[in-house]
């Protein structure tokens, strides 16, 4: 299991995400937005990592909260992605941080 995690970390975060993956994520985002039928007030991205997918949500929701268990990934997201609608916090889907409740 740890080998897979290290491999995914290396491929996704150090060498960049392949364009096919980004294209898939963007298509999924469009599909979800079409299902909702309106611009959501808050979008919660659990497992956001360094914010690669989260940044694609900018403009599609009033407030976007990225949550990840990795403090390092949250630090990377906060340093590289700055937008008034974005917030990145450390936490897990089992116990979401208080910041997500304030949204």
PDB file of N, CA and C in Angstrom:
ATOM      1  N   UNK A   1       0.830  -1.198   0.000  1.00  0.00           N
ATOM      2  CA  UNK A   1       0.000   0.000   0.000  1.00  0.00           C
ATOM      3  C   UNK A   1       0.865   1.249   0.000  1.00  0.00           C
ATOM      4  N   UNK A   2       1.921   1.277   0.809  1.00  0.00           N
ATOM      5  CA  UNK A   2       2.751   2.480   0.866  1.00  0.00           C
ATOM      6  C   UNK A   2       3.489   2.705  -0.453  1.00  0.00           C
ATOM      7  N   UNK A   3       3.822   1.629  -1.165  1.00  0.00           N
ATOM      8  CA  UNK A   3       4.478   1.784  -2.460  1.00  0.00           C
ATOM      9  C   UNK A   3       3.547   2.501  -3.436  1.00  0.00           C
ATOM     10  N   UNK A   4       2.279   2.107  -3.457  1.00  0.00           N
ATOM     11  CA  UNK A   4       1.321   2.754  -4.344  1.00  0.00           C
ATOM     12  C   UNK A   4       1.178   4.226  -3.974  1.00  0.00           C
ATOM     13  N   UNK A   5       1.077   4.520  -2.697  1.00  0.00           N
ATOM     14  CA  UNK A   5       0.926   5.907  -2.254  1.00  0.00           C
ATOM     15  C   UNK A   5       2.130   6.736  -2.684  1.00  0.00           C
ATOM     16  N   UNK A   6       3.333   6.212  -2.515  1.00  0.00           N
ATOM     17  CA  UNK A   6       4.527   6.929  -2.918  1.00  0.00           C
ATOM     18  C   UNK A   6       4.558   7.138  -4.424  1.00  0.00           C
ATOM     19  N   UNK A   7       4.163   6.126  -5.178  1.00  0.00           N
ATOM     20  CA  UNK A   7       4.140   6.240  -6.638  1.00  0.00           C
ATOM     21  C   UNK A   7       3.160   7.327  -7.063  1.00  0.00           C
ATOM     22  N   UNK A   8       1.949   7.297  -6.504  1.00  0.00           N
ATOM     23  CA  UNK A   8       0.952   8.300  -6.870  1.00  0.00           C
ATOM     24  C   UNK A   8       1.423   9.692  -6.487  1.00  0.00           C
ATOM     25  N   UNK A   9       2.041   9.810  -5.330  1.00  0.00           N
ATOM     26  CA  UNK A   9       2.559  11.102  -4.894  1.00  0.00           C
ATOM     27  C   UNK A   9       3.591  11.611  -5.882  1.00  0.00           C
ATOM     28  N   UNK A  10       4.502  10.746  -6.295  1.00  0.00           N
ATOM     29  CA  UNK A  10       5.571  11.147  -7.215  1.00  0.00           C
ATOM     30  C   UNK A  10       5.002  11.558  -8.569  1.00  0.00           C
ATOM     31  N   UNK A  11       4.102  10.749  -9.099  1.00  0.00           N
ATOM     32  CA  UNK A  11       3.558  11.025 -10.425  1.00  0.00           C
ATOM     33  C   UNK A  11       2.695  12.281 -10.411  1.00  0.00           C
ATOM     34  N   UNK A  12       1.820  12.400  -9.447  1.00  0.00           N
ATOM     35  CA  UNK A  12       0.867  13.503  -9.437  1.00  0.00           C
ATOM     36  C   UNK A  12       1.460  14.807  -8.975  1.00  0.00           C
ATOM     37  N   UNK A  13       2.255  14.784  -7.939  1.00  0.00           N
ATOM     38  CA  UNK A  13       2.662  16.027  -7.313  1.00  0.00           C
ATOM     39  C   UNK A  13       4.053  16.510  -7.703  1.00  0.00           C
ATOM     40  N   UNK A  14       4.957  15.606  -8.036  1.00  0.00           N
ATOM     41  CA  UNK A  14       6.305  16.046  -8.360  1.00  0.00           C
ATOM     42  C   UNK A  14       6.510  16.227  -9.858  1.00  0.00           C
ATOM     43  N   UNK A  15       5.901  15.382 -10.663  1.00  0.00           N
ATOM     44  CA  UNK A  15       6.123  15.440 -12.103  1.00  0.00           C
ATOM     45  C   UNK A  15       4.969  16.107 -12.840  1.00  0.00           C
ATOM     46  N   UNK A  16       3.929  16.489 -12.117  1.00  0.00           N
ATOM     47  CA  UNK A  16       2.782  17.123 -12.761  1.00  0.00           C
ATOM     48  C   UNK A  16       1.733  16.102 -13.126  1.00  0.00           C
ATOM     49  N   UNK A  17       0.515  16.523 -13.162  1.00  0.00           N
ATOM     50  CA  UNK A  17      -0.592  15.642 -13.478  1.00  0.00           C
ATOM     51  C   UNK A  17      -0.742  15.528 -14.996  1.00  0.00           C
ATOM     52  N   UNK A  18      -0.850  14.306 -15.509  1.00  0.00           N
ATOM     53  CA  UNK A  18      -1.017  14.135 -16.954  1.00  0.00           C
ATOM     54  C   UNK A  18      -2.250  14.879 -17.458  1.00  0.00           C
ATOM     55  N   UNK A  19      -2.172  15.409 -18.666  1.00  0.00           N
ATOM     56  CA  UNK A  19      -3.275  16.196 -19.221  1.00  0.00           C
ATOM     57  C   UNK A  19      -4.554  15.379 -19.334  1.00  0.00           C
ATOM     58  N   UNK A  20      -4.452  14.071 -19.559  1.00  0.00           N
ATOM     59  CA  UNK A  20      -5.658  13.244 -19.658  1.00  0.00           C
ATOM     60  C   UNK A  20      -6.406  13.209 -18.329  1.00  0.00           C
ATOM     61  N   UNK A  21      -5.671  13.217 -17.220  1.00  0.00           N
ATOM     62  CA  UNK A  21      -6.294  13.226 -15.893  1.00  0.00           C
ATOM     63  C   UNK A  21      -6.961  14.577 -15.654  1.00  0.00           C
ATOM     64  N   UNK A  22      -6.277  15.656 -16.008  1.00  0.00           N
ATOM     65  CA  UNK A  22      -6.863  16.988 -15.843  1.00  0.00           C
ATOM     66  C   UNK A  22      -8.119  17.137 -16.699  1.00  0.00           C
ATOM     67  N   UNK A  23      -8.088  16.615 -17.900  1.00  0.00           N
ATOM     68  CA  UNK A  23      -9.242  16.664 -18.789  1.00  0.00           C
ATOM     69  C   UNK A  23     -10.411  15.891 -18.177  1.00  0.00           C
ATOM     70  N   UNK A  24     -10.133  14.726 -17.625  1.00  0.00           N
ATOM     71  CA  UNK A  24     -11.165  13.920 -16.968  1.00  0.00           C
ATOM     72  C   UNK A  24     -11.772  14.684 -15.794  1.00  0.00           C
ATOM     73  N   UNK A  25     -10.916  15.310 -14.985  1.00  0.00           N
ATOM     74  CA  UNK A  25     -11.406  16.063 -13.823  1.00  0.00           C
ATOM     75  C   UNK A  25     -12.286  17.229 -14.258  1.00  0.00           C
ATOM     76  N   UNK A  26     -11.895  17.918 -15.294  1.00  0.00           N
ATOM     77  CA  UNK A  26     -12.681  19.045 -15.786  1.00  0.00           C
ATOM     78  C   UNK A  26     -14.033  18.568 -16.321  1.00  0.00           C
ATOM     79  N   UNK A  27     -14.043  17.457 -17.025  1.00  0.00           N
ATOM     80  CA  UNK A  27     -15.300  16.890 -17.514  1.00  0.00           C
ATOM     81  C   UNK A  27     -16.209  16.467 -16.369  1.00  0.00           C
ATOM     82  N   UNK A  28     -15.645  15.898 -15.313  1.00  0.00           N
ATOM     83  CA  UNK A  28     -16.434  15.508 -14.139  1.00  0.00           C
ATOM     84  C   UNK A  28     -17.011  16.741 -13.460  1.00  0.00           C
ATOM     85  N   UNK A  29     -16.223  17.804 -13.370  1.00  0.00           N
ATOM     86  CA  UNK A  29     -16.687  19.058 -12.786  1.00  0.00           C
ATOM     87  C   UNK A  29     -17.882  19.593 -13.569  1.00  0.00           C
ATOM     88  N   UNK A  30     -17.777  19.619 -14.890  1.00  0.00           N
ATOM     89  CA  UNK A  30     -18.870  20.104 -15.737  1.00  0.00           C
ATOM     90  C   UNK A  30     -20.124  19.243 -15.556  1.00  0.00           C
ATOM     91  N   UNK A  31     -19.931  17.930 -15.463  1.00  0.00           N
ATOM     92  CA  UNK A  31     -21.059  17.028 -15.262  1.00  0.00           C
ATOM     93  C   UNK A  31     -21.747  17.302 -13.929  1.00  0.00           C
ATOM     94  N   UNK A  32     -20.961  17.459 -12.876  1.00  0.00           N
ATOM     95  CA  UNK A  32     -21.533  17.739 -11.558  1.00  0.00           C
ATOM     96  C   UNK A  32     -22.282  19.068 -11.546  1.00  0.00           C
ATOM     97  N   UNK A  33     -21.705  20.086 -12.161  1.00  0.00           N
ATOM     98  CA  UNK A  33     -22.362  21.388 -12.204  1.00  0.00           C
ATOM     99  C   UNK A  33     -23.674  21.319 -12.985  1.00  0.00           C
ATOM    100  N   UNK A  34     -23.697  20.542 -14.065  1.00  0.00           N
ATOM    101  CA  UNK A  34     -24.937  20.375 -14.826  1.00  0.00           C
ATOM    102  C   UNK A  34     -25.997  19.655 -14.004  1.00  0.00           C
ATOM    103  N   UNK A  35     -25.593  18.705 -13.185  1.00  0.00           N
ATOM    104  CA  UNK A  35     -26.537  17.972 -12.337  1.00  0.00           C
ATOM    105  C   UNK A  35     -27.128  18.883 -11.268  1.00  0.00           C
ATOM    106  N   UNK A  36     -26.327  19.758 -10.714  1.00  0.00           N
ATOM    107  CA  UNK A  36     -26.790  20.677  -9.675  1.00  0.00           C
ATOM    108  C   UNK A  36     -27.741  21.701 -10.284  1.00  0.00           C
ATOM    109  N   UNK A  37     -27.430  22.168 -11.484  1.00  0.00           N
ATOM    110  CA  UNK A  37     -28.295  23.093 -12.189  1.00  0.00           C
ATOM    111  C   UNK A  37     -28.147  24.554 -11.787  1.00  0.00           C
ATOM    112  N   UNK A  38     -27.274  24.823 -10.850  1.00  0.00           N
ATOM    113  CA  UNK A  38     -27.029  26.208 -10.432  1.00  0.00           C
ATOM    114  C   UNK A  38     -25.638  26.287  -9.816  1.00  0.00           C
ATOM    115  N   UNK A  39     -25.149  27.486  -9.660  1.00  0.00           N
ATOM    116  CA  UNK A  39     -23.836  27.693  -9.049  1.00  0.00           C
ATOM    117  C   UNK A  39     -23.943  27.426  -7.538  1.00  0.00           C
ATOM    118  N   UNK A  40     -23.203  26.452  -7.025  1.00  0.00           N
ATOM    119  CA  UNK A  40     -23.274  26.175  -5.586  1.00  0.00           C
ATOM    120  C   UNK A  40     -22.657  27.320  -4.774  1.00  0.00           C
ATOM    121  N   UNK A  41     -23.201  27.544  -3.584  1.00  0.00           N
ATOM    122  CA  UNK A  41     -22.623  28.547  -2.689  1.00  0.00           C
ATOM    123  C   UNK A  41     -21.267  28.069  -2.177  1.00  0.00           C
ATOM    124  N   UNK A  42     -21.208  26.782  -1.795  1.00  0.00           N
ATOM    125  CA  UNK A  42     -19.976  26.218  -1.237  1.00  0.00           C
ATOM    126  C   UNK A  42     -19.677  24.902  -1.934  1.00  0.00           C
ATOM    127  N   UNK A  43     -18.399  24.719  -2.271  1.00  0.00           N
ATOM    128  CA  UNK A  43     -17.933  23.466  -2.867  1.00  0.00           C
ATOM    129  C   UNK A  43     -16.846  22.927  -1.950  1.00  0.00           C
ATOM    130  N   UNK A  44     -17.023  21.702  -1.452  1.00  0.00           N
ATOM    131  CA  UNK A  44     -16.051  21.078  -0.568  1.00  0.00           C
ATOM    132  C   UNK A  44     -15.285  20.027  -1.359  1.00  0.00           C
ATOM    133  N   UNK A  45     -13.974  20.210  -1.453  1.00  0.00           N
ATOM    134  CA  UNK A  45     -13.108  19.277  -2.178  1.00  0.00           C
ATOM    135  C   UNK A  45     -12.313  18.482  -1.149  1.00  0.00           C
ATOM    136  N   UNK A  46     -12.810  17.291  -0.813  1.00  0.00           N
ATOM    137  CA  UNK A  46     -12.146  16.438   0.185  1.00  0.00           C
ATOM    138  C   UNK A  46     -11.077  15.614  -0.519  1.00  0.00           C
ATOM    139  N   UNK A  47      -9.868  15.642   0.035  1.00  0.00           N
ATOM    140  CA  UNK A  47      -8.737  14.977  -0.592  1.00  0.00           C
ATOM    141  C   UNK A  47      -8.160  15.843  -1.695  1.00  0.00           C
ATOM    142  N   UNK A  48      -8.086  17.140  -1.440  1.00  0.00           N
ATOM    143  CA  UNK A  48      -7.703  18.116  -2.470  1.00  0.00           C
ATOM    144  C   UNK A  48      -6.233  18.078  -2.866  1.00  0.00           C
ATOM    145  N   UNK A  49      -5.378  17.452  -2.044  1.00  0.00           N
ATOM    146  CA  UNK A  49      -3.946  17.440  -2.360  1.00  0.00           C
ATOM    147  C   UNK A  49      -3.430  18.855  -2.516  1.00  0.00           C
ATOM    148  N   UNK A  50      -2.608  19.122  -3.532  1.00  0.00           N
ATOM    149  CA  UNK A  50      -2.056  20.465  -3.714  1.00  0.00           C
ATOM    150  C   UNK A  50      -3.007  21.422  -4.432  1.00  0.00           C
ATOM    151  N   UNK A  51      -4.254  21.006  -4.639  1.00  0.00           N
ATOM    152  CA  UNK A  51      -5.247  21.892  -5.235  1.00  0.00           C
ATOM    153  C   UNK A  51      -5.344  21.841  -6.744  1.00  0.00           C
ATOM    154  N   UNK A  52      -4.757  20.828  -7.359  1.00  0.00           N
ATOM    155  CA  UNK A  52      -4.764  20.719  -8.820  1.00  0.00           C
ATOM    156  C   UNK A  52      -6.187  20.735  -9.378  1.00  0.00           C
ATOM    157  N   UNK A  53      -7.061  19.943  -8.795  1.00  0.00           N
ATOM    158  CA  UNK A  53      -8.462  19.929  -9.245  1.00  0.00           C
ATOM    159  C   UNK A  53      -9.241  21.095  -8.670  1.00  0.00           C
ATOM    160  N   UNK A  54      -8.903  21.474  -7.452  1.00  0.00           N
ATOM    161  CA  UNK A  54      -9.624  22.561  -6.777  1.00  0.00           C
ATOM    162  C   UNK A  54      -9.572  23.850  -7.582  1.00  0.00           C
ATOM    163  N   UNK A  55      -8.432  24.128  -8.183  1.00  0.00           N
ATOM    164  CA  UNK A  55      -8.303  25.381  -8.941  1.00  0.00           C
ATOM    165  C   UNK A  55      -9.253  25.429 -10.132  1.00  0.00           C
ATOM    166  N   UNK A  56      -9.659  24.269 -10.634  1.00  0.00           N
ATOM    167  CA  UNK A  56     -10.586  24.231 -11.770  1.00  0.00           C
ATOM    168  C   UNK A  56     -12.003  24.613 -11.355  1.00  0.00           C
ATOM    169  N   UNK A  57     -12.272  24.656 -10.061  1.00  0.00           N
ATOM    170  CA  UNK A  57     -13.605  24.988  -9.562  1.00  0.00           C
ATOM    171  C   UNK A  57     -13.781  26.502  -9.423  1.00  0.00           C
ATOM    172  N   UNK A  58     -12.676  27.251  -9.435  1.00  0.00           N
ATOM    173  CA  UNK A  58     -12.750  28.706  -9.282  1.00  0.00           C
ATOM    174  C   UNK A  58     -13.732  29.268 -10.316  1.00  0.00           C
ATOM    175  N   UNK A  59     -14.645  30.087  -9.841  1.00  0.00           N
ATOM    176  CA  UNK A  59     -15.649  30.681 -10.709  1.00  0.00           C
ATOM    177  C   UNK A  59     -16.929  29.865 -10.802  1.00  0.00           C
ATOM    178  N   UNK A  60     -16.885  28.612 -10.332  1.00  0.00           N
ATOM    179  CA  UNK A  60     -18.062  27.756 -10.400  1.00  0.00           C
ATOM    180  C   UNK A  60     -18.780  27.628  -9.067  1.00  0.00           C
ATOM    181  N   UNK A  61     -18.229  28.232  -8.019  1.00  0.00           N
ATOM    182  CA  UNK A  61     -18.849  28.240  -6.689  1.00  0.00           C
ATOM    183  C   UNK A  61     -18.414  29.520  -5.983  1.00  0.00           C
ATOM    184  N   UNK A  62     -19.270  29.996  -5.087  1.00  0.00           N
ATOM    185  CA  UNK A  62     -18.944  31.227  -4.364  1.00  0.00           C
ATOM    186  C   UNK A  62     -17.774  31.032  -3.402  1.00  0.00           C
ATOM    187  N   UNK A  63     -17.738  29.879  -2.730  1.00  0.00           N
ATOM    188  CA  UNK A  63     -16.674  29.572  -1.776  1.00  0.00           C
ATOM    189  C   UNK A  63     -16.230  28.133  -2.016  1.00  0.00           C
ATOM    190  N   UNK A  64     -14.928  27.928  -2.052  1.00  0.00           N
ATOM    191  CA  UNK A  64     -14.367  26.601  -2.290  1.00  0.00           C
ATOM    192  C   UNK A  64     -13.441  26.270  -1.131  1.00  0.00           C
ATOM    193  N   UNK A  65     -13.689  25.119  -0.506  1.00  0.00           N
ATOM    194  CA  UNK A  65     -12.862  24.683   0.620  1.00  0.00           C
ATOM    195  C   UNK A  65     -12.199  23.372   0.241  1.00  0.00           C
ATOM    196  N   UNK A  66     -10.874  23.367   0.223  1.00  0.00           N
ATOM    197  CA  UNK A  66     -10.110  22.149  -0.036  1.00  0.00           C
ATOM    198  C   UNK A  66      -9.641  21.580   1.288  1.00  0.00           C
ATOM    199  N   UNK A  67      -9.862  20.291   1.487  1.00  0.00           N
ATOM    200  CA  UNK A  67      -9.475  19.603   2.718  1.00  0.00           C
ATOM    201  C   UNK A  67      -8.583  18.428   2.356  1.00  0.00           C
ATOM    202  N   UNK A  68      -7.469  18.289   3.073  1.00  0.00           N
ATOM    203  CA  UNK A  68      -6.581  17.151   2.848  1.00  0.00           C
ATOM    204  C   UNK A  68      -5.946  16.746   4.172  1.00  0.00           C
ATOM    205  N   UNK A  69      -5.660  15.449   4.345  1.00  0.00           N
ATOM    206  CA  UNK A  69      -5.042  14.980   5.583  1.00  0.00           C
ATOM    207  C   UNK A  69      -3.575  15.377   5.674  1.00  0.00           C
ATOM    208  N   UNK A  70      -2.953  15.638   4.536  1.00  0.00           N
ATOM    209  CA  UNK A  70      -1.524  15.959   4.498  1.00  0.00           C
ATOM    210  C   UNK A  70      -1.288  17.449   4.733  1.00  0.00           C
ATOM    211  N   UNK A  71      -0.600  17.751   5.795  1.00  0.00           N
ATOM    212  CA  UNK A  71      -0.252  19.142   6.092  1.00  0.00           C
ATOM    213  C   UNK A  71       0.610  19.729   4.968  1.00  0.00           C
ATOM    214  N   UNK A  72       1.514  18.922   4.438  1.00  0.00           N
ATOM    215  CA  UNK A  72       2.389  19.372   3.358  1.00  0.00           C
ATOM    216  C   UNK A  72       1.588  19.758   2.117  1.00  0.00           C
ATOM    217  N   UNK A  73       0.616  18.934   1.733  1.00  0.00           N
ATOM    218  CA  UNK A  73      -0.187  19.233   0.549  1.00  0.00           C
ATOM    219  C   UNK A  73      -1.015  20.506   0.746  1.00  0.00           C
ATOM    220  N   UNK A  74      -1.542  20.697   1.951  1.00  0.00           N
ATOM    221  CA  UNK A  74      -2.310  21.909   2.249  1.00  0.00           C
ATOM    222  C   UNK A  74      -1.400  23.136   2.185  1.00  0.00           C
ATOM    223  N   UNK A  75      -0.167  23.002   2.683  1.00  0.00           N
ATOM    224  CA  UNK A  75       0.793  24.109   2.604  1.00  0.00           C
ATOM    225  C   UNK A  75       1.106  24.456   1.145  1.00  0.00           C
ATOM    226  N   UNK A  76       1.304  23.430   0.322  1.00  0.00           N
ATOM    227  CA  UNK A  76       1.577  23.654  -1.108  1.00  0.00           C
ATOM    228  C   UNK A  76       0.394  24.378  -1.755  1.00  0.00           C
ATOM    229  N   UNK A  77      -0.805  23.915  -1.476  1.00  0.00           N
ATOM    230  CA  UNK A  77      -2.005  24.531  -2.059  1.00  0.00           C
ATOM    231  C   UNK A  77      -2.124  25.994  -1.630  1.00  0.00           C
ATOM    232  N   UNK A  78      -1.899  26.257  -0.348  1.00  0.00           N
ATOM    233  CA  UNK A  78      -2.000  27.632   0.150  1.00  0.00           C
ATOM    234  C   UNK A  78      -0.937  28.549  -0.444  1.00  0.00           C
ATOM    235  N   UNK A  79       0.242  28.005  -0.724  1.00  0.00           N
ATOM    236  CA  UNK A  79       1.325  28.821  -1.292  1.00  0.00           C
ATOM    237  C   UNK A  79       1.140  29.064  -2.786  1.00  0.00           C
ATOM    238  N   UNK A  80       0.628  28.078  -3.493  1.00  0.00           N
ATOM    239  CA  UNK A  80       0.577  28.182  -4.957  1.00  0.00           C
ATOM    240  C   UNK A  80      -0.752  28.692  -5.498  1.00  0.00           C
ATOM    241  N   UNK A  81      -1.818  28.542  -4.734  1.00  0.00           N
ATOM    242  CA  UNK A  81      -3.147  28.952  -5.211  1.00  0.00           C
ATOM    243  C   UNK A  81      -3.748  29.980  -4.268  1.00  0.00           C
ATOM    244  N   UNK A  82      -3.875  31.172  -4.758  1.00  0.00           N
ATOM    245  CA  UNK A  82      -4.459  32.225  -3.940  1.00  0.00           C
ATOM    246  C   UNK A  82      -5.591  32.874  -4.717  1.00  0.00           C
ATOM    247  N   UNK A  83      -6.780  32.801  -4.148  1.00  0.00           N
ATOM    248  CA  UNK A  83      -7.967  33.380  -4.756  1.00  0.00           C
ATOM    249  C   UNK A  83      -8.940  33.675  -3.612  1.00  0.00           C
ATOM    250  N   UNK A  84      -9.694  34.767  -3.694  1.00  0.00           N
ATOM    251  CA  UNK A  84     -10.611  35.119  -2.602  1.00  0.00           C
ATOM    252  C   UNK A  84     -11.629  34.028  -2.248  1.00  0.00           C
ATOM    253  N   UNK A  85     -11.978  33.187  -3.211  1.00  0.00           N
ATOM    254  CA  UNK A  85     -12.982  32.148  -2.923  1.00  0.00           C
ATOM    255  C   UNK A  85     -12.371  30.853  -2.392  1.00  0.00           C
ATOM    256  N   UNK A  86     -11.036  30.747  -2.364  1.00  0.00           N
ATOM    257  CA  UNK A  86     -10.366  29.500  -1.960  1.00  0.00           C
ATOM    258  C   UNK A  86      -9.911  29.504  -0.507  1.00  0.00           C
ATOM    259  N   UNK A  87     -10.121  28.366   0.147  1.00  0.00           N
ATOM    260  CA  UNK A  87      -9.594  28.126   1.482  1.00  0.00           C
ATOM    261  C   UNK A  87      -9.106  26.678   1.509  1.00  0.00           C
ATOM    262  N   UNK A  88      -7.906  26.452   2.031  1.00  0.00           N
ATOM    263  CA  UNK A  88      -7.378  25.094   2.177  1.00  0.00           C
ATOM    264  C   UNK A  88      -7.112  24.828   3.651  1.00  0.00           C
ATOM    265  N   UNK A  89      -7.587  23.680   4.137  1.00  0.00           N
ATOM    266  CA  UNK A  89      -7.407  23.322   5.540  1.00  0.00           C
ATOM    267  C   UNK A  89      -7.013  21.853   5.658  1.00  0.00           C
ATOM    268  N   UNK A  90      -6.321  21.538   6.739  1.00  0.00           N
ATOM    269  CA  UNK A  90      -5.927  20.155   6.992  1.00  0.00           C
ATOM    270  C   UNK A  90      -7.053  19.468   7.750  1.00  0.00           C
ATOM    271  N   UNK A  91      -7.381  18.256   7.318  1.00  0.00           N
ATOM    272  CA  UNK A  91      -8.411  17.475   7.983  1.00  0.00           C
ATOM    273  C   UNK A  91      -8.710  16.223   7.185  1.00  0.00           C
ATOM    274  N   UNK A  92      -9.686  15.462   7.666  1.00  0.00           N
ATOM    275  CA  UNK A  92     -10.071  14.231   6.968  1.00  0.00           C
ATOM    276  C   UNK A  92     -11.583  14.222   6.767  1.00  0.00           C
ATOM    277  N   UNK A  93     -12.040  13.341   5.900  1.00  0.00           N
ATOM    278  CA  UNK A  93     -13.479  13.279   5.640  1.00  0.00           C
ATOM    279  C   UNK A  93     -14.239  12.687   6.831  1.00  0.00           C
ATOM    280  N   UNK A  94     -13.542  11.937   7.703  1.00  0.00           N
ATOM    281  CA  UNK A  94     -14.185  11.387   8.884  1.00  0.00           C
ATOM    282  C   UNK A  94     -14.465  12.455   9.930  1.00  0.00           C
ATOM    283  N   UNK A  95     -13.596  13.474   9.982  1.00  0.00           N
ATOM    284  CA  UNK A  95     -13.759  14.544  10.959  1.00  0.00           C
ATOM    285  C   UNK A  95     -13.323  15.838  10.278  1.00  0.00           C
ATOM    286  N   UNK A  96     -14.286  16.505   9.649  1.00  0.00           N
ATOM    287  CA  UNK A  96     -13.971  17.715   8.909  1.00  0.00           C
ATOM    288  C   UNK A  96     -13.607  18.852   9.871  1.00  0.00           C
ATOM    289  N   UNK A  97     -12.658  19.693   9.484  1.00  0.00           N
ATOM    290  CA  UNK A  97     -12.253  20.805  10.326  1.00  0.00           C
ATOM    291  C   UNK A  97     -13.380  21.822  10.526  1.00  0.00           C
ATOM    292  N   UNK A  98     -13.289  22.578  11.596  1.00  0.00           N
ATOM    293  CA  UNK A  98     -14.311  23.579  11.922  1.00  0.00           C
ATOM    294  C   UNK A  98     -14.497  24.601  10.808  1.00  0.00           C
ATOM    295  N   UNK A  99     -13.439  24.886  10.042  1.00  0.00           N
ATOM    296  CA  UNK A  99     -13.526  25.872   8.968  1.00  0.00           C
ATOM    297  C   UNK A  99     -14.583  25.500   7.937  1.00  0.00           C
ATOM    298  N   UNK A 100     -14.805  24.211   7.734  1.00  0.00           N
ATOM    299  CA  UNK A 100     -15.787  23.788   6.738  1.00  0.00           C
ATOM    300  C   UNK A 100     -17.210  24.044   7.235  1.00  0.00           C
ATOM    301  N   UNK A 101     -17.411  24.043   8.544  1.00  0.00           N
ATOM    302  CA  UNK A 101     -18.737  24.287   9.108  1.00  0.00           C
ATOM    303  C   UNK A 101     -19.117  25.758   9.029  1.00  0.00           C
ATOM    304  N   UNK A 102     -18.123  26.637   8.936  1.00  0.00           N
ATOM    305  CA  UNK A 102     -18.365  28.084   8.895  1.00  0.00           C
ATOM    306  C   UNK A 102     -18.805  28.549   7.512  1.00  0.00           C
ATOM    307  N   UNK A 103     -18.682  27.693   6.530  1.00  0.00           N
ATOM    308  CA  UNK A 103     -18.974  28.075   5.141  1.00  0.00           C
ATOM    309  C   UNK A 103     -20.415  28.412   4.904  1.00  0.00           C
TER     310      UNK A 103
END
